[in-house]
């Protein structure tokens, strides 16, 4: 974060890990680093992921260059006229794509990136909205590959604890459902995105980023390096025959082929295999790879079929789309390698031993596991890897120290802490992908998101402390968390805005250009009367709140079944 040189820093981290393993032999460390890079690239999952990322880049390039994005802008442009509307729309679309975080990031990012930039929403805010919406939503489902993985981890925890579902009185899936109301962090992270977008109350580096975007029109910092800039890499969109088909068809095919492929690869077509089991047993990377190829192919066919580009231009677009992913792929490969380095030097085990072996009473075990999961996920950059490391340790420990009643809370806090690492670690794959599809500088995205993630984590920590002192009802804990988060966001916004001499409620670019907000007064620290003003019953806002309330109702109905 100090140097802002992500590739050099990641490589240095991998090499230092290799240096420890090679007993301080620099030549041996260099050789071991190469071995680790080859090892992660040769992993079947990682190889599939690399190819699907390339296909995703090509498909996104077709949506942009064929004029699909242009057609969407012309269709929805009259409805989305402010940065606030574009941020709420991004949050809303993310709710609908609840089955996979990668797919959600790609689809939502592509659908709203140009609208966000045209309406002067900073790329940092767009990346944050993507990142902090996708993982929480896919964690809850109600049907997602995340749920399948999390349930499989709970089963592993059962096996490690040497008890069966019959002995415990609840299945692994039932325990997951019971854990949902206690996943405070994910609820707060998701809630904060919508609350900040609707109220336009920012704080931390994001306040500066949004003021820059509104006051100057620069949606990205002047010296920043966007992780992927589709316009610069693949050219301007075609004006020949822009059609919504070239936007919606590739995305729809991606969703359908991806979902069906994951269902089929998990054995869903076989008698006696239900949807939950199919998604739990599926080959996620291969299913998404099929979807990504179909995504690219549909874009190619649409571009040529509607004659927005000829065959040569379409072929060049594939290669140009691949190029947009080069920096991202380099970061992802090094992120995998540093995770392997952390595994070899025992980072996770060291942290867990310190946190869990501290002698704190069992009622505070959820807080300990939450903190441990945060550190492991931040260090290794993988929420799934953190779940795999900690779940087999946490479930037996909780059962032995406290009893079965603590397990839903323990599972929820573990999963929430792991996702906090996903939101805060610069080497997290979802964080990288959010930077890609928002066209944001990666370190700028990390720096602006961390204060928001820390706020949600701080509220979670407070609730878990209260749990340690006797608060056992999620019916009380969750509403309390919503209240604390609301108060925290407003207080931090007021404090930071006054400290920096910026508006508390960010005004629109149009309001600034119309003279309703005086930039000179703001520059001199006179913020009174310079706050933005919004209609809180606009169609975009009302639609988003209605959909989110319905989604929460579905999730809690889903969780009630487990109880």
Protein backbone atom coordinates (compact mmCIF):
# COMPACT_ATOMS: atom_id res chain seq x y z
CA UNK A 1 0.00 0.00 0.00
CA UNK A 2 2.96 2.31 0.58
CA UNK A 3 4.60 1.82 -2.81
CA UNK A 4 1.36 1.27 -4.79
CA UNK A 5 3.36 -1.20 -6.88
CA UNK A 6 1.13 -4.25 -6.54
CA UNK A 7 3.05 -6.70 -8.73
CA UNK A 8 6.46 -5.91 -7.22
CA UNK A 9 5.05 -6.06 -3.69
CA UNK A 10 3.28 -9.37 -4.26
CA UNK A 11 6.34 -10.94 -5.82
CA UNK A 12 8.46 -9.69 -2.92
CA UNK A 13 6.01 -11.28 -0.48
CA UNK A 14 6.16 -14.62 -2.30
CA UNK A 15 9.96 -14.48 -2.47
CA UNK A 16 10.32 -13.65 1.24
CA UNK A 17 8.07 -16.59 2.10
CA UNK A 18 10.28 -18.79 -0.08
CA UNK A 19 13.35 -17.32 1.64
CA UNK A 20 12.03 -18.48 5.01
CA UNK A 21 11.32 -21.97 3.70
CA UNK A 22 14.71 -22.13 1.91
CA UNK A 23 16.47 -21.27 5.18
CA UNK A 24 17.67 -17.86 4.00
CA UNK A 25 19.26 -19.12 0.78
CA UNK A 26 18.42 -16.43 -1.84
CA UNK A 27 19.16 -18.69 -4.82
CA UNK A 28 17.07 -21.49 -3.35
CA UNK A 29 14.31 -18.97 -2.56
CA UNK A 30 14.24 -17.76 -6.16
CA UNK A 31 14.03 -21.32 -7.47
CA UNK A 32 11.30 -22.15 -4.96
CA UNK A 33 9.36 -19.03 -5.99
CA UNK A 34 9.39 -20.24 -9.60
CA UNK A 35 8.21 -23.67 -8.45
CA UNK A 36 5.33 -22.11 -6.54
CA UNK A 37 4.28 -19.99 -9.54
CA UNK A 38 4.26 -23.06 -11.75
CA UNK A 39 2.40 -25.06 -9.10
CA UNK A 40 -0.47 -22.57 -8.78
CA UNK A 41 -0.80 -22.15 -12.55
CA UNK A 42 -0.87 -25.92 -13.08
CA UNK A 43 -3.61 -26.44 -10.50
CA UNK A 44 -6.73 -27.58 -12.42
CA UNK A 45 -8.99 -25.05 -10.69
CA UNK A 46 -6.55 -22.19 -11.25
CA UNK A 47 -5.96 -23.10 -14.89
CA UNK A 48 -9.70 -23.09 -15.56
CA UNK A 49 -10.00 -19.79 -13.74
CA UNK A 50 -7.25 -18.20 -15.86
CA UNK A 51 -8.96 -19.26 -19.09
CA UNK A 52 -12.42 -18.16 -17.92
CA UNK A 53 -11.00 -14.74 -16.96
CA UNK A 54 -9.68 -14.37 -20.52
CA UNK A 55 -13.06 -15.38 -21.96
CA UNK A 56 -14.80 -12.94 -19.61
CA UNK A 57 -12.51 -10.17 -20.87
CA UNK A 58 -13.34 -10.99 -24.48
CA UNK A 59 -17.08 -11.15 -23.77
CA UNK A 60 -16.98 -7.81 -21.96
CA UNK A 61 -15.05 -6.34 -24.90
CA UNK A 62 -17.80 -7.46 -27.30
CA UNK A 63 -20.54 -5.93 -25.14
CA UNK A 64 -18.64 -2.66 -25.18
CA UNK A 65 -17.32 -2.53 -28.73
CA UNK A 66 -20.42 -3.93 -30.47
CA UNK A 67 -22.46 -1.03 -29.13
CA UNK A 68 -24.38 -3.00 -26.48
CA UNK A 69 -23.26 -0.60 -23.73
CA UNK A 70 -24.14 2.34 -25.96
CA UNK A 71 -27.64 0.96 -26.53
CA UNK A 72 -28.14 0.45 -22.77
CA UNK A 73 -27.03 3.99 -22.03
CA UNK A 74 -29.51 5.38 -24.55
CA UNK A 75 -32.30 3.18 -23.17
CA UNK A 76 -31.81 3.77 -19.48
CA UNK A 77 -30.08 7.13 -19.62
CA UNK A 78 -33.25 9.11 -18.95
CA UNK A 79 -33.97 7.06 -15.84
CA UNK A 80 -30.46 7.11 -14.33
CA UNK A 81 -29.36 10.74 -14.28
CA UNK A 82 -27.18 11.09 -11.18
CA UNK A 83 -24.22 9.35 -9.57
CA UNK A 84 -26.56 8.38 -6.76
CA UNK A 85 -28.95 6.60 -9.14
CA UNK A 86 -26.08 4.71 -10.81
CA UNK A 87 -24.77 3.56 -7.42
CA UNK A 88 -28.20 2.38 -6.29
CA UNK A 89 -28.71 0.61 -9.64
CA UNK A 90 -25.39 -1.22 -9.23
CA UNK A 91 -26.45 -2.34 -5.74
CA UNK A 92 -29.83 -3.44 -7.06
CA UNK A 93 -28.49 -5.53 -9.95
CA UNK A 94 -26.04 -7.19 -7.56
CA UNK A 95 -28.98 -8.45 -5.48
CA UNK A 96 -30.47 -10.28 -8.44
CA UNK A 97 -27.29 -12.22 -9.24
CA UNK A 98 -26.99 -14.18 -6.01
CA UNK A 99 -25.59 -17.48 -7.26
CA UNK A 100 -21.90 -16.60 -7.78
CA UNK A 101 -19.77 -13.63 -6.75
CA UNK A 102 -17.51 -13.74 -9.81
CA UNK A 103 -20.43 -13.73 -12.23
CA UNK A 104 -22.16 -10.99 -10.25
CA UNK A 105 -19.05 -8.80 -10.36
CA UNK A 106 -18.63 -9.30 -14.10
CA UNK A 107 -22.28 -8.81 -15.07
CA UNK A 108 -23.05 -5.96 -12.67
CA UNK A 109 -19.78 -4.20 -13.38
CA UNK A 110 -20.26 -4.33 -17.13
CA UNK A 111 -23.90 -3.29 -16.92
CA UNK A 112 -23.30 -0.17 -14.85
CA UNK A 113 -19.70 0.98 -15.38
CA UNK A 114 -20.37 3.40 -18.22
CA UNK A 115 -23.48 4.78 -16.52
CA UNK A 116 -21.53 5.36 -13.31
CA UNK A 117 -18.77 7.21 -15.11
CA UNK A 118 -21.14 9.25 -17.27
CA UNK A 119 -22.94 10.37 -14.10
CA UNK A 120 -19.68 11.26 -12.33
CA UNK A 121 -19.62 8.49 -9.76
CA UNK A 122 -16.02 7.72 -8.86
CA UNK A 123 -14.58 4.41 -10.01
CA UNK A 124 -13.60 3.76 -6.40
CA UNK A 125 -17.27 3.93 -5.34
CA UNK A 126 -18.28 1.69 -8.22
CA UNK A 127 -15.67 -0.90 -7.23
CA UNK A 128 -16.78 -0.74 -3.58
CA UNK A 129 -20.43 -1.19 -4.53
CA UNK A 130 -19.55 -4.26 -6.59
CA UNK A 131 -17.22 -5.78 -4.00
CA UNK A 132 -19.36 -5.29 -0.91
CA UNK A 133 -22.60 -6.41 -2.58
CA UNK A 134 -21.56 -9.62 -4.34
CA UNK A 135 -19.97 -11.70 -1.55
CA UNK A 136 -22.65 -11.03 1.13
CA UNK A 137 -25.46 -11.77 -1.33
CA UNK A 138 -23.90 -15.02 -2.56
CA UNK A 139 -23.19 -16.03 1.03
CA UNK A 140 -26.91 -16.00 1.83
CA UNK A 141 -28.10 -17.38 -1.51
CA UNK A 142 -30.70 -18.80 -1.32
CA UNK A 143 -29.03 -20.92 -4.02
CA UNK A 144 -25.34 -20.36 -4.72
CA UNK A 145 -22.06 -22.16 -5.08
CA UNK A 146 -20.95 -20.32 -1.92
CA UNK A 147 -23.65 -22.08 0.09
CA UNK A 148 -22.55 -25.42 -1.33
CA UNK A 149 -18.97 -24.78 -0.29
CA UNK A 150 -19.90 -23.46 3.16
CA UNK A 151 -22.10 -26.49 3.88
CA UNK A 152 -19.29 -28.80 2.79
CA UNK A 153 -17.00 -27.01 5.27
CA UNK A 154 -19.53 -27.53 8.06
CA UNK A 155 -19.61 -31.24 7.19
CA UNK A 156 -15.82 -31.27 7.47
CA UNK A 157 -16.19 -29.64 10.89
CA UNK A 158 -18.64 -32.37 11.93
CA UNK A 159 -16.11 -35.00 10.88
CA UNK A 160 -13.32 -33.25 12.76
CA UNK A 161 -15.50 -33.13 15.89
CA UNK A 162 -16.38 -36.82 15.50
CA UNK A 163 -20.13 -36.37 15.80
CA UNK A 164 -22.95 -36.92 13.31
CA UNK A 165 -25.89 -34.76 12.35
CA UNK A 166 -28.19 -37.17 14.19
CA UNK A 167 -26.18 -36.79 17.38
CA UNK A 168 -26.16 -33.02 17.06
CA UNK A 169 -29.84 -32.85 16.13
CA UNK A 170 -29.31 -30.71 13.01
CA UNK A 171 -27.88 -31.31 9.55
CA UNK A 172 -24.95 -29.31 8.18
CA UNK A 173 -27.35 -27.43 5.90
CA UNK A 174 -29.70 -26.79 8.82
CA UNK A 175 -26.80 -25.42 10.87
CA UNK A 176 -25.91 -23.10 8.00
CA UNK A 177 -29.51 -21.83 7.88
CA UNK A 178 -29.48 -21.23 11.63
CA UNK A 179 -26.24 -19.26 11.27
CA UNK A 180 -27.66 -16.72 8.79
CA UNK A 181 -29.16 -14.25 11.34
CA UNK A 182 -25.82 -14.19 13.18
CA UNK A 183 -23.76 -13.29 10.11
CA UNK A 184 -23.73 -9.69 11.26
CA UNK A 185 -20.78 -8.58 9.15
CA UNK A 186 -22.30 -9.63 5.82
CA UNK A 187 -25.62 -7.99 6.62
CA UNK A 188 -23.89 -4.76 7.67
CA UNK A 189 -21.54 -4.71 4.67
CA UNK A 190 -24.46 -5.14 2.29
CA UNK A 191 -26.64 -2.64 4.17
CA UNK A 192 -23.89 0.00 4.20
CA UNK A 193 -23.60 -0.04 0.41
CA UNK A 194 -27.27 0.83 -0.02
CA UNK A 195 -27.41 3.27 2.89
CA UNK A 196 -24.35 5.22 1.72
CA UNK A 197 -25.55 5.24 -1.90
CA UNK A 198 -29.06 6.43 -0.98
CA UNK A 199 -27.99 9.07 1.55
CA UNK A 200 -24.77 10.08 -0.30
CA UNK A 201 -22.97 10.29 3.03
CA UNK A 202 -19.34 9.29 2.50
CA UNK A 203 -16.31 9.30 4.78
CA UNK A 204 -12.64 8.43 4.63
CA UNK A 205 -10.81 8.42 1.28
CA UNK A 206 -14.12 7.73 -0.48
CA UNK A 207 -15.35 11.20 0.51
CA UNK A 208 -12.37 12.71 -1.30
CA UNK A 209 -12.83 10.43 -4.31
CA UNK A 210 -16.51 11.32 -4.70
CA UNK A 211 -15.84 15.06 -4.28
CA UNK A 212 -13.13 14.82 -6.96
CA UNK A 213 -15.54 13.06 -9.33
CA UNK A 214 -18.38 15.54 -8.73
CA UNK A 215 -16.36 18.77 -8.64
CA UNK A 216 -13.89 18.05 -11.46
CA UNK A 217 -15.58 15.29 -13.48
CA UNK A 218 -12.51 13.05 -13.00
CA UNK A 219 -13.91 9.66 -12.02
CA UNK A 220 -10.40 8.33 -11.44
CA UNK A 221 -7.39 9.90 -9.70
CA UNK A 222 -5.08 11.74 -12.09
CA UNK A 223 -2.01 9.50 -11.55
CA UNK A 224 -4.00 6.30 -11.05
CA UNK A 225 -3.59 3.16 -13.12
CA UNK A 226 -6.93 1.48 -13.81
CA UNK A 227 -6.71 -2.29 -13.56
CA UNK A 228 -8.69 -2.55 -16.78
CA UNK A 229 -10.00 0.20 -19.02
CA UNK A 230 -12.18 -1.32 -21.73
CA UNK A 231 -12.43 1.89 -23.77
CA UNK A 232 -8.68 2.36 -23.91
CA UNK A 233 -7.95 -1.31 -24.55
CA UNK A 234 -10.58 -2.24 -27.14
CA UNK A 235 -11.62 1.09 -28.67
CA UNK A 236 -14.81 3.10 -28.78
CA UNK A 237 -18.22 1.38 -29.14
CA UNK A 238 -19.58 0.88 -32.63
CA UNK A 239 -22.18 3.37 -33.85
CA UNK A 240 -23.22 1.18 -36.80
CA UNK A 241 -26.17 -0.62 -35.26
CA UNK A 242 -26.17 -0.48 -31.45
CA UNK A 243 -28.80 -2.83 -30.05
CA UNK A 244 -29.81 -3.98 -26.59
CA UNK A 245 -29.58 -7.57 -27.82
CA UNK A 246 -25.80 -7.25 -27.87
CA UNK A 247 -25.93 -6.24 -24.21
CA UNK A 248 -28.56 -8.53 -22.74
CA UNK A 249 -28.04 -11.69 -24.84
CA UNK A 250 -24.41 -12.38 -23.79
CA UNK A 251 -25.26 -11.73 -20.13
CA UNK A 252 -28.37 -13.93 -20.23
CA UNK A 253 -26.41 -16.73 -21.92
CA UNK A 254 -23.66 -16.38 -19.31
CA UNK A 255 -26.19 -16.75 -16.49
CA UNK A 256 -28.10 -19.65 -18.03
CA UNK A 257 -25.11 -21.66 -19.28
CA UNK A 258 -23.16 -21.02 -16.08
CA UNK A 259 -26.02 -22.10 -13.80
CA UNK A 260 -27.04 -25.10 -15.88
CA UNK A 261 -23.42 -26.19 -16.24
CA UNK A 262 -22.81 -26.03 -12.49
CA UNK A 263 -26.07 -27.91 -11.87
CA UNK A 264 -25.19 -30.58 -14.47
CA UNK A 265 -21.55 -31.00 -13.37
CA UNK A 266 -22.78 -31.50 -9.81
CA UNK A 267 -24.96 -34.40 -10.95
CA UNK A 268 -28.23 -32.48 -10.89
CA UNK A 269 -29.49 -34.43 -13.91
CA UNK A 270 -29.15 -37.71 -12.02
CA UNK A 271 -32.09 -39.21 -10.09
CA UNK A 272 -32.11 -38.41 -6.40
CA UNK A 273 -29.72 -35.44 -6.62
CA UNK A 274 -31.42 -32.21 -5.52
CA UNK A 275 -30.32 -28.68 -6.41
CA UNK A 276 -28.49 -28.03 -3.14
CA UNK A 277 -26.44 -31.21 -3.46
CA UNK A 278 -25.71 -30.52 -7.14
CA UNK A 279 -24.33 -27.06 -6.39
CA UNK A 280 -22.36 -28.41 -3.43
CA UNK A 281 -20.69 -31.14 -5.51
CA UNK A 282 -20.19 -29.17 -8.72
CA UNK A 283 -16.96 -28.13 -10.41
CA UNK A 284 -17.43 -24.38 -9.99
CA UNK A 285 -14.48 -23.34 -12.15
CA UNK A 286 -15.46 -25.61 -15.06
CA UNK A 287 -19.13 -24.55 -14.91
CA UNK A 288 -18.15 -20.89 -14.97
CA UNK A 289 -15.65 -21.61 -17.76
CA UNK A 290 -18.46 -23.01 -19.92
CA UNK A 291 -20.55 -19.95 -19.12
CA UNK A 292 -17.66 -17.60 -19.93
CA UNK A 293 -17.05 -19.28 -23.29
CA UNK A 294 -20.76 -19.00 -24.13
CA UNK A 295 -20.61 -15.36 -23.01
CA UNK A 296 -17.76 -14.63 -25.44
CA UNK A 297 -19.28 -16.67 -28.27
CA UNK A 298 -22.65 -14.93 -27.99
CA UNK A 299 -20.94 -11.56 -28.08
CA UNK A 300 -19.01 -12.62 -31.18
CA UNK A 301 -22.12 -13.90 -32.98
CA UNK A 302 -24.15 -10.82 -32.05
CA UNK A 303 -21.44 -8.41 -33.20
CA UNK A 304 -21.08 -10.13 -36.57
CA UNK A 305 -24.76 -11.00 -36.95
CA UNK A 306 -25.98 -7.42 -36.41
CA UNK A 307 -23.08 -6.17 -38.55
CA UNK A 308 -21.74 -3.83 -35.91
CA UNK A 309 -18.28 -5.11 -36.90
CA UNK A 310 -16.83 -7.36 -39.58
CA UNK A 311 -15.12 -10.70 -39.00
CA UNK A 312 -11.65 -9.19 -38.76
CA UNK A 313 -12.76 -6.60 -36.20
CA UNK A 314 -14.54 -9.32 -34.19
CA UNK A 315 -11.39 -11.46 -34.16
CA UNK A 316 -9.30 -8.49 -33.05
CA UNK A 317 -11.82 -7.79 -30.28
CA UNK A 318 -11.21 -11.25 -28.79
CA UNK A 319 -7.48 -10.57 -28.56
CA UNK A 320 -8.06 -7.05 -27.26
CA UNK A 321 -10.40 -8.45 -24.64
CA UNK A 322 -7.71 -10.90 -23.54
CA UNK A 323 -5.27 -7.99 -23.21
CA UNK A 324 -7.56 -6.17 -20.78
CA UNK A 325 -7.03 -9.02 -18.32
CA UNK A 326 -3.23 -9.26 -18.41
CA UNK A 327 -2.46 -7.12 -15.36
CA UNK A 328 -5.32 -8.70 -13.43
CA UNK A 329 -4.11 -12.21 -14.27
CA UNK A 330 -0.60 -11.34 -13.12
CA UNK A 331 -1.99 -10.13 -9.78
CA UNK A 332 -4.23 -13.18 -9.40
CA UNK A 333 -1.36 -15.63 -10.08
CA UNK A 334 0.88 -13.83 -7.58
CA UNK A 335 -2.01 -13.73 -5.08
CA UNK A 336 -2.37 -17.52 -5.36
CA UNK A 337 1.38 -17.87 -4.95
CA UNK A 338 1.49 -15.72 -1.82
CA UNK A 339 -1.36 -17.81 -0.40
CA UNK A 340 0.78 -20.89 -1.05
CA UNK A 341 3.74 -19.16 0.59
CA UNK A 342 1.61 -18.34 3.65
CA UNK A 343 0.53 -21.99 3.81
CA UNK A 344 4.13 -23.21 3.67
CA UNK A 345 5.38 -20.91 6.41
CA UNK A 346 2.36 -21.68 8.64
CA UNK A 347 0.83 -18.19 8.77
CA UNK A 348 -2.72 -19.38 9.46
CA UNK A 349 -1.73 -21.92 12.10
CA UNK A 350 0.38 -19.32 13.89
CA UNK A 351 -2.45 -16.80 14.01
CA UNK A 352 -5.04 -19.37 15.09
CA UNK A 353 -2.78 -20.67 17.85
CA UNK A 354 -2.36 -17.18 19.28
CA UNK A 355 -6.02 -16.20 19.00
CA UNK A 356 -7.64 -19.43 20.12
CA UNK A 357 -5.07 -20.34 22.77
CA UNK A 358 -5.48 -17.06 24.63
CA UNK A 359 -7.55 -18.53 27.47
CA UNK A 360 -10.55 -16.22 26.95
CA UNK A 361 -13.91 -17.63 28.21
CA UNK A 362 -15.92 -19.78 25.78
CA UNK A 363 -18.68 -17.18 25.41
CA UNK A 364 -16.14 -14.94 23.68
CA UNK A 365 -15.09 -17.69 21.27
CA UNK A 366 -17.20 -16.24 18.39
CA UNK A 367 -15.31 -12.95 18.76
CA UNK A 368 -11.96 -14.78 18.75
CA UNK A 369 -12.89 -16.80 15.67
CA UNK A 370 -14.15 -13.65 13.93
CA UNK A 371 -10.83 -11.88 14.52
CA UNK A 372 -8.84 -14.97 13.54
CA UNK A 373 -10.82 -15.33 10.32
CA UNK A 374 -10.27 -11.65 9.53
CA UNK A 375 -6.51 -11.96 9.92
CA UNK A 376 -6.17 -15.22 8.03
CA UNK A 377 -8.33 -13.96 5.14
CA UNK A 378 -6.51 -10.63 4.98
CA UNK A 379 -3.14 -12.37 5.01
CA UNK A 380 -3.95 -15.04 2.44
CA UNK A 381 -6.48 -13.11 0.35
CA UNK A 382 -9.01 -15.94 0.18
CA UNK A 383 -12.29 -16.27 2.04
CA UNK A 384 -12.84 -19.86 0.89
CA UNK A 385 -9.32 -20.80 1.95
CA UNK A 386 -9.94 -19.22 5.36
CA UNK A 387 -13.17 -21.17 5.76
CA UNK A 388 -11.31 -24.36 4.83
CA UNK A 389 -8.60 -23.65 7.41
CA UNK A 390 -10.74 -22.55 10.34
CA UNK A 391 -14.02 -24.47 10.14
CA UNK A 392 -12.50 -27.86 11.08
CA UNK A 393 -10.88 -26.13 14.06
CA UNK A 394 -13.76 -23.91 15.17
CA UNK A 395 -16.61 -26.43 15.25
CA UNK A 396 -14.88 -29.01 17.48
CA UNK A 397 -13.51 -26.25 19.72
CA UNK A 398 -16.91 -24.60 20.11
CA UNK A 399 -18.62 -27.93 20.80
CA UNK A 400 -16.07 -28.84 23.47
CA UNK A 401 -15.78 -25.46 25.22
CA UNK A 402 -19.41 -24.30 25.08
CA UNK A 403 -21.73 -26.83 23.48
CA UNK A 404 -23.93 -27.12 20.36
CA UNK A 405 -25.79 -23.87 21.06
CA UNK A 406 -22.74 -21.78 20.08
CA UNK A 407 -22.20 -23.46 16.71
CA UNK A 408 -24.58 -21.28 14.60
CA UNK A 409 -22.93 -18.13 15.96
CA UNK A 410 -19.47 -19.59 15.48
CA UNK A 411 -20.14 -20.59 11.88
CA UNK A 412 -21.68 -17.19 11.07
CA UNK A 413 -18.82 -15.18 12.54
CA UNK A 414 -16.23 -17.38 10.86
CA UNK A 415 -17.83 -16.90 7.44
CA UNK A 416 -18.31 -13.17 8.07
CA UNK A 417 -14.69 -12.69 9.17
CA UNK A 418 -13.49 -14.55 6.09
CA UNK A 419 -15.50 -12.25 3.84
CA UNK A 420 -14.14 -9.18 5.64
CA UNK A 421 -10.71 -10.36 4.49
CA UNK A 422 -12.09 -10.63 0.95
CA UNK A 423 -13.21 -7.00 1.19
CA UNK A 424 -10.01 -5.63 2.72
CA UNK A 425 -7.13 -7.68 1.32
CA UNK A 426 -5.41 -6.29 -1.79
CA UNK A 427 -4.63 -9.85 -2.88
CA UNK A 428 -8.22 -11.12 -2.73
CA UNK A 429 -9.49 -12.36 -6.09
CA UNK A 430 -12.89 -10.72 -5.64
CA UNK A 431 -11.24 -7.42 -4.72
CA UNK A 432 -9.09 -7.66 -7.85
CA UNK A 433 -12.10 -8.47 -10.03
CA UNK A 434 -14.06 -5.54 -8.60
CA UNK A 435 -11.20 -3.25 -9.58
CA UNK A 436 -11.15 -4.80 -13.06
CA UNK A 437 -14.81 -4.37 -13.87
CA UNK A 438 -15.05 -0.92 -12.31
CA UNK A 439 -11.95 0.21 -14.20
CA UNK A 440 -10.50 1.36 -10.87
CA UNK A 441 -6.94 1.69 -9.65
CA UNK A 442 -6.60 -1.40 -7.47
CA UNK A 443 -4.91 0.19 -4.45
CA UNK A 444 -7.32 3.13 -4.61
CA UNK A 445 -10.18 0.62 -4.41
CA UNK A 446 -8.62 -1.12 -1.41
CA UNK A 447 -7.85 2.14 0.40
CA UNK A 448 -11.36 3.54 -0.06
CA UNK A 449 -13.15 0.31 0.86
CA UNK A 450 -11.22 -0.55 4.04
CA UNK A 451 -12.80 2.20 6.23
CA UNK A 452 -16.28 0.98 5.21
CA UNK A 453 -15.39 -2.68 5.81
CA UNK A 454 -13.80 -1.71 9.14
CA UNK A 455 -17.00 0.07 10.19
CA UNK A 456 -19.12 -3.02 9.51
CA UNK A 457 -16.53 -5.18 11.28
CA UNK A 458 -16.45 -2.80 14.26
CA UNK A 459 -20.23 -3.05 14.68
CA UNK A 460 -19.96 -6.84 14.42
CA UNK A 461 -17.27 -6.81 17.10
CA UNK A 462 -19.49 -4.78 19.45
CA UNK A 463 -22.38 -7.22 18.99
CA UNK A 464 -20.08 -10.21 19.62
CA UNK A 465 -18.75 -8.58 22.81
CA UNK A 466 -22.36 -8.22 23.94
CA UNK A 467 -22.88 -11.87 23.01
CA UNK A 468 -19.99 -12.73 25.30
CA UNK A 469 -21.75 -10.90 28.12
CA UNK A 470 -25.06 -12.67 27.56
CA UNK A 471 -26.85 -11.32 24.46
CA UNK A 472 -28.10 -14.56 22.89
CA UNK A 473 -31.04 -13.55 20.69
CA UNK A 474 -30.45 -12.67 17.01
CA UNK A 475 -33.86 -10.98 17.05
CA UNK A 476 -32.24 -8.35 19.31
CA UNK A 477 -28.67 -8.50 18.01
CA UNK A 478 -29.36 -7.94 14.30
CA UNK A 479 -31.65 -4.87 14.64
CA UNK A 480 -29.16 -3.44 17.14
CA UNK A 481 -26.41 -3.89 14.55
CA UNK A 482 -28.46 -2.01 11.93
CA UNK A 483 -28.98 0.88 14.35
CA UNK A 484 -25.30 0.99 15.34
CA UNK A 485 -24.23 0.94 11.68
CA UNK A 486 -26.58 3.76 10.76
CA UNK A 487 -25.34 5.89 13.65
CA UNK A 488 -21.70 5.08 12.86
CA UNK A 489 -22.00 6.02 9.17
CA UNK A 490 -23.75 9.33 9.91
CA UNK A 491 -21.30 10.22 12.72
CA UNK A 492 -18.21 9.37 10.68
CA UNK A 493 -19.60 11.25 7.70
CA UNK A 494 -20.28 14.39 9.72
CA UNK A 495 -16.91 14.27 11.46
CA UNK A 496 -14.88 13.66 8.30
CA UNK A 497 -16.80 16.11 6.12
CA UNK A 498 -16.38 18.92 8.66
CA UNK A 499 -12.71 18.04 9.18
CA UNK A 500 -12.06 18.23 5.42
CA UNK A 501 -14.42 21.13 4.73
CA UNK A 502 -16.50 19.09 2.29
CA UNK A 503 -20.30 18.63 1.98
CA UNK A 504 -21.83 16.00 4.24
CA UNK A 505 -24.37 15.02 1.57
CA UNK A 506 -22.49 14.82 -1.73
CA UNK A 507 -24.13 17.04 -4.37
CA UNK A 508 -24.58 16.05 -8.00
CA UNK A 509 -22.28 17.23 -10.75
CA UNK A 510 -25.20 19.08 -12.32
CA UNK A 511 -25.87 20.98 -9.09
CA UNK A 512 -22.23 22.07 -8.94
CA UNK A 513 -22.20 23.16 -12.58
CA UNK A 514 -25.47 25.06 -12.07
CA UNK A 515 -23.91 27.03 -9.23
CA UNK A 516 -26.13 25.52 -6.53
CA UNK A 517 -22.96 24.43 -4.74
CA UNK A 518 -20.13 26.94 -4.59
CA UNK A 519 -16.79 25.17 -5.09
CA UNK A 520 -14.87 28.22 -3.88
CA UNK A 521 -16.80 28.24 -0.61
CA UNK A 522 -16.14 24.54 -0.15
CA UNK A 523 -12.44 25.06 -0.90
CA UNK A 524 -12.30 27.70 1.83
CA UNK A 525 -14.05 25.41 4.29
CA UNK A 526 -17.50 27.01 4.15
CA UNK A 527 -19.72 23.97 3.75
CA UNK A 528 -22.97 25.38 5.11
CA UNK A 529 -25.64 25.35 2.43
CA UNK A 530 -23.45 23.31 0.07
CA UNK A 531 -24.95 19.90 0.83
CA UNK A 532 -26.66 18.00 -1.94
CA UNK A 533 -30.42 17.58 -2.05
CA UNK A 534 -32.17 14.44 -3.33
CA UNK A 535 -35.66 13.08 -3.82
CA UNK A 536 -35.75 9.98 -1.62
CA UNK A 537 -38.87 8.63 -3.33
CA UNK A 538 -37.39 8.51 -6.83
CA UNK A 539 -38.28 5.44 -8.95
CA UNK A 540 -34.75 4.01 -8.70
CA UNK A 541 -34.66 4.36 -4.90
CA UNK A 542 -38.14 2.97 -4.32
CA UNK A 543 -37.49 0.01 -6.63
CA UNK A 544 -34.18 -0.78 -4.92
CA UNK A 545 -35.61 -0.62 -1.39
CA UNK A 546 -38.62 -2.76 -2.37
CA UNK A 547 -36.41 -5.43 -3.95
CA UNK A 548 -33.96 -5.48 -1.04
CA UNK A 549 -36.74 -5.77 1.56
CA UNK A 550 -38.23 -8.64 -0.44
CA UNK A 551 -34.78 -10.25 -0.68
CA UNK A 552 -34.23 -9.96 3.09
CA UNK A 553 -37.69 -11.46 3.68
CA UNK A 554 -36.74 -14.39 1.46
CA UNK A 555 -33.42 -14.88 3.27
CA UNK A 556 -35.02 -14.81 6.72
CA UNK A 557 -37.78 -17.15 5.59
CA UNK A 558 -35.01 -19.39 4.31
CA UNK A 559 -33.20 -19.16 7.65
CA UNK A 560 -36.40 -19.86 9.60
CA UNK A 561 -36.67 -23.24 7.90
CA UNK A 562 -33.38 -24.18 9.52
CA UNK A 563 -34.62 -23.25 12.94
